[in-house]
Amino acid sequence: MRRLLLILATLAAGLVLLAATVPWWLGAALRQGARSRGITVGGYERIGYTRFALRDVDVPVGSVRVSADRVEADTPLLWLWRHWRGPGGLVVVGGWRVEIAAAAAPRDPNKPRGWVPLRALLQRIAGGLETWLPQARVGAGVVRWPGDEITFAGAAWNGRELAVDDLVFRTVSADATIAFADGDLI
């Protein structure tokens, strides 16, 4: 019985030590985990004990490449704590770009297009963001695809609402807010 208690106490102490030292080993773990998924991270910076920042992040997903000069967030243990207790901490992204390459395969003419499928996609995205990223703020950025682009001076996501500052598409410029409530777009 004493041996079992000693083993359990040693395991508990090891877990506490591991949790307490997260800010010091998180950078290496993030870089290794990101590399195994094709994501590149230029650097890691501790911001106090509870937050960290990543520099030069590049995430390729199929024909889309998302890049950010800086991403700042809570450490994973604090993020989990806040996620379980209520709204999570703020994620801040600066200097971001989304590059969409031309599709290699021809577009399926039978696939639904227009507002209805876009609305369904936006609802799914909003639901995921509400669960896992309740608050975010991004600085200036651009979304590019073959032949065009949309630029933003900044945007904020809070709950199920996205507010965009100085959205520019071709000759149109606007500040815009879109809210997702009760499974519907308003």
Protein backbone atom coordinates (compact mmCIF):
# COMPACT_ATOMS: atom_id res chain seq x y z
CA MET A 1 0.00 0.00 0.00
CA ARG A 2 2.84 2.39 0.84
CA ARG A 3 4.49 1.72 -2.50
CA LEU A 4 1.24 2.56 -4.36
CA LEU A 5 0.88 5.84 -2.43
CA LEU A 6 4.49 6.73 -3.19
CA ILE A 7 3.96 6.04 -6.90
CA LEU A 8 0.75 8.13 -6.95
CA ALA A 9 2.43 11.00 -5.06
CA THR A 10 5.38 10.93 -7.49
CA LEU A 11 3.02 11.01 -10.49
CA ALA A 12 1.02 13.88 -8.98
CA ALA A 13 4.22 15.85 -8.26
CA GLY A 14 5.41 15.22 -11.82
CA LEU A 15 2.13 16.51 -13.28
CA VAL A 16 2.24 19.62 -11.09
CA LEU A 17 5.84 20.26 -12.14
CA LEU A 18 4.93 19.77 -15.80
CA ALA A 19 1.97 22.17 -15.52
CA ALA A 20 4.01 24.76 -13.61
CA THR A 21 6.75 24.85 -16.24
CA VAL A 22 4.49 25.09 -19.33
CA PRO A 23 5.65 28.59 -20.35
CA TRP A 24 9.26 27.38 -20.62
CA TRP A 25 8.77 24.25 -22.74
CA LEU A 26 5.66 25.31 -24.70
CA GLY A 27 7.65 26.95 -27.53
CA ALA A 28 9.59 23.79 -28.37
CA ALA A 29 6.45 21.66 -28.14
CA LEU A 30 4.48 24.03 -30.39
CA ARG A 31 7.21 24.16 -33.02
CA GLN A 32 7.54 20.37 -33.07
CA GLY A 33 3.77 19.80 -33.17
CA ALA A 34 3.31 22.45 -35.85
CA ARG A 35 6.13 21.05 -38.00
CA SER A 36 4.54 17.61 -37.97
CA ARG A 37 1.41 19.18 -39.51
CA GLY A 38 3.22 21.25 -42.14
CA ILE A 39 2.86 24.50 -40.15
CA THR A 40 5.90 26.74 -39.78
CA VAL A 41 6.54 28.97 -36.76
CA GLY A 42 9.37 31.48 -36.87
CA GLY A 43 9.63 32.13 -33.15
CA TYR A 44 8.08 31.79 -29.70
CA GLU A 45 7.98 34.44 -26.99
CA ARG A 46 6.74 34.15 -23.41
CA ILE A 47 4.59 37.09 -22.30
CA GLY A 48 4.61 36.82 -18.55
CA TYR A 49 3.41 33.53 -17.16
CA THR A 50 -0.05 33.34 -18.78
CA ARG A 51 0.37 34.36 -22.43
CA PHE A 52 2.65 33.63 -25.35
CA ALA A 53 3.23 34.95 -28.86
CA LEU A 54 4.25 33.21 -32.07
CA ARG A 55 6.04 35.05 -34.88
CA ASP A 56 5.91 34.33 -38.61
CA VAL A 57 3.24 31.62 -38.58
CA ASP A 58 2.43 29.94 -41.90
CA VAL A 59 -0.45 27.42 -42.17
CA PRO A 60 -1.05 25.67 -45.52
CA VAL A 61 -4.45 23.96 -45.87
CA GLY A 62 -4.99 22.49 -49.33
CA SER A 63 -5.04 25.35 -51.83
CA VAL A 64 -5.23 27.96 -49.04
CA ARG A 65 -2.25 29.43 -47.17
CA VAL A 66 -2.84 31.47 -44.00
CA SER A 67 0.06 33.55 -42.66
CA ALA A 68 0.43 35.87 -39.69
CA ASP A 69 3.32 38.03 -38.55
CA ARG A 70 2.28 37.59 -34.89
CA VAL A 71 -0.27 35.50 -32.96
CA GLU A 72 -0.76 36.08 -29.22
CA ALA A 73 -2.85 33.83 -26.95
CA ASP A 74 -3.23 32.38 -23.46
CA THR A 75 -1.10 29.40 -22.48
CA PRO A 76 -2.98 26.12 -23.03
CA LEU A 77 -3.75 25.45 -19.33
CA LEU A 78 -5.12 28.96 -18.80
CA TRP A 79 -7.06 28.70 -22.07
CA LEU A 80 -8.64 25.41 -20.94
CA TRP A 81 -9.49 26.87 -17.54
CA ARG A 82 -11.19 29.88 -19.13
CA HIS A 83 -12.92 27.65 -21.71
CA TRP A 84 -14.47 25.55 -18.93
CA ARG A 85 -15.34 28.56 -16.75
CA GLY A 86 -16.87 30.80 -19.42
CA PRO A 87 -15.64 32.91 -22.30
CA GLY A 88 -12.05 32.17 -23.22
CA GLY A 89 -9.20 34.62 -23.40
CA LEU A 90 -8.51 36.99 -26.24
CA VAL A 91 -6.44 35.86 -29.24
CA VAL A 92 -4.69 38.71 -31.08
CA VAL A 93 -3.33 38.36 -34.63
CA GLY A 94 -1.28 40.98 -36.44
CA GLY A 95 -0.20 41.27 -40.06
CA TRP A 96 -2.18 38.40 -41.55
CA ARG A 97 -2.70 37.14 -45.10
CA VAL A 98 -4.88 34.49 -46.71
CA GLU A 99 -3.75 33.34 -50.16
CA ILE A 100 -6.17 31.15 -52.14
CA ALA A 101 -4.62 29.40 -55.16
CA ALA A 102 -6.56 28.58 -58.29
CA ALA A 103 -8.36 25.24 -58.03
CA ALA A 104 -6.56 22.42 -59.82
CA ALA A 105 -9.77 20.53 -60.61
CA PRO A 106 -12.63 22.09 -62.56
CA ARG A 107 -15.59 23.29 -60.50
CA ASP A 108 -18.51 20.86 -60.27
CA PRO A 109 -21.42 22.55 -62.13
CA ASN A 110 -23.95 20.60 -60.02
CA LYS A 111 -22.57 21.81 -56.70
CA PRO A 112 -24.87 24.41 -55.11
CA ARG A 113 -23.54 27.96 -55.27
CA GLY A 114 -24.67 31.35 -54.03
CA TRP A 115 -26.01 32.69 -50.76
CA VAL A 116 -27.64 29.55 -49.30
CA PRO A 117 -24.53 27.32 -49.27
CA LEU A 118 -22.37 30.28 -48.18
CA ARG A 119 -24.78 30.98 -45.30
CA ALA A 120 -24.61 27.34 -44.18
CA LEU A 121 -20.80 27.42 -44.28
CA LEU A 122 -20.68 30.68 -42.30
CA GLN A 123 -23.03 29.21 -39.67
CA ARG A 124 -20.76 26.17 -39.22
CA ILE A 125 -17.70 28.42 -38.94
CA ALA A 126 -19.45 30.72 -36.42
CA GLY A 127 -20.46 27.74 -34.29
CA GLY A 128 -16.90 26.44 -34.18
CA LEU A 129 -15.48 29.87 -33.42
CA GLU A 130 -18.03 30.47 -30.66
CA THR A 131 -16.96 27.22 -28.99
CA TRP A 132 -13.19 27.36 -29.40
CA LEU A 133 -12.35 31.01 -30.08
CA PRO A 134 -14.95 33.22 -28.38
CA GLN A 135 -12.84 36.41 -28.64
CA ALA A 136 -10.30 37.45 -31.23
CA ARG A 137 -8.89 40.64 -32.66
CA VAL A 138 -6.94 40.90 -35.90
CA GLY A 139 -5.00 43.79 -37.31
CA ALA A 140 -4.66 44.78 -40.94
CA GLY A 141 -4.82 41.91 -43.40
CA VAL A 142 -5.73 40.74 -46.86
CA VAL A 143 -7.52 37.83 -48.51
CA ARG A 144 -6.27 37.15 -52.07
CA TRP A 145 -7.55 34.77 -54.72
CA PRO A 146 -6.81 34.56 -58.43
CA GLY A 147 -7.73 37.91 -59.93
CA ASP A 148 -8.93 39.77 -56.82
CA GLU A 149 -8.55 40.58 -53.14
CA ILE A 150 -10.30 41.99 -50.07
CA THR A 151 -8.38 44.06 -47.51
CA PHE A 152 -9.27 44.88 -43.91
CA ALA A 153 -7.86 47.51 -41.56
CA GLY A 154 -8.81 45.26 -38.66
CA ALA A 155 -11.58 43.06 -37.27
CA ALA A 156 -12.92 41.84 -33.95
CA TRP A 157 -14.79 38.59 -33.22
CA ASN A 158 -16.77 38.49 -29.98
CA GLY A 159 -19.23 35.69 -29.26
CA ARG A 160 -21.12 35.36 -32.51
CA GLU A 161 -20.45 38.84 -33.92
CA LEU A 162 -17.78 39.94 -36.40
CA ALA A 163 -17.02 43.66 -36.75
CA VAL A 164 -14.73 44.63 -39.64
CA ASP A 165 -13.05 48.03 -40.02
CA ASP A 166 -12.39 49.53 -43.44
CA LEU A 167 -13.20 46.50 -45.60
CA VAL A 168 -12.14 47.27 -49.19
CA PHE A 169 -13.22 45.22 -52.21
CA ARG A 170 -12.42 46.73 -55.61
CA THR A 171 -13.97 50.23 -55.38
CA VAL A 172 -16.21 49.56 -52.39
CA SER A 173 -15.09 50.48 -48.87
CA ALA A 174 -17.13 49.95 -45.70
CA ASP A 175 -17.16 49.21 -42.02
CA ALA A 176 -19.33 46.15 -41.48
CA THR A 177 -20.78 44.05 -38.68
CA ILE A 178 -22.30 40.63 -39.10
CA ALA A 179 -24.00 38.76 -36.26
CA PHE A 180 -24.91 35.09 -36.04
CA ALA A 181 -27.77 34.40 -33.61
CA ASP A 182 -29.91 31.31 -32.95
CA GLY A 183 -28.67 29.53 -36.05
CA ASP A 184 -29.57 32.44 -38.29
CA LEU A 185 -27.65 35.28 -39.88
CA ILE A 186 -28.82 38.82 -39.05
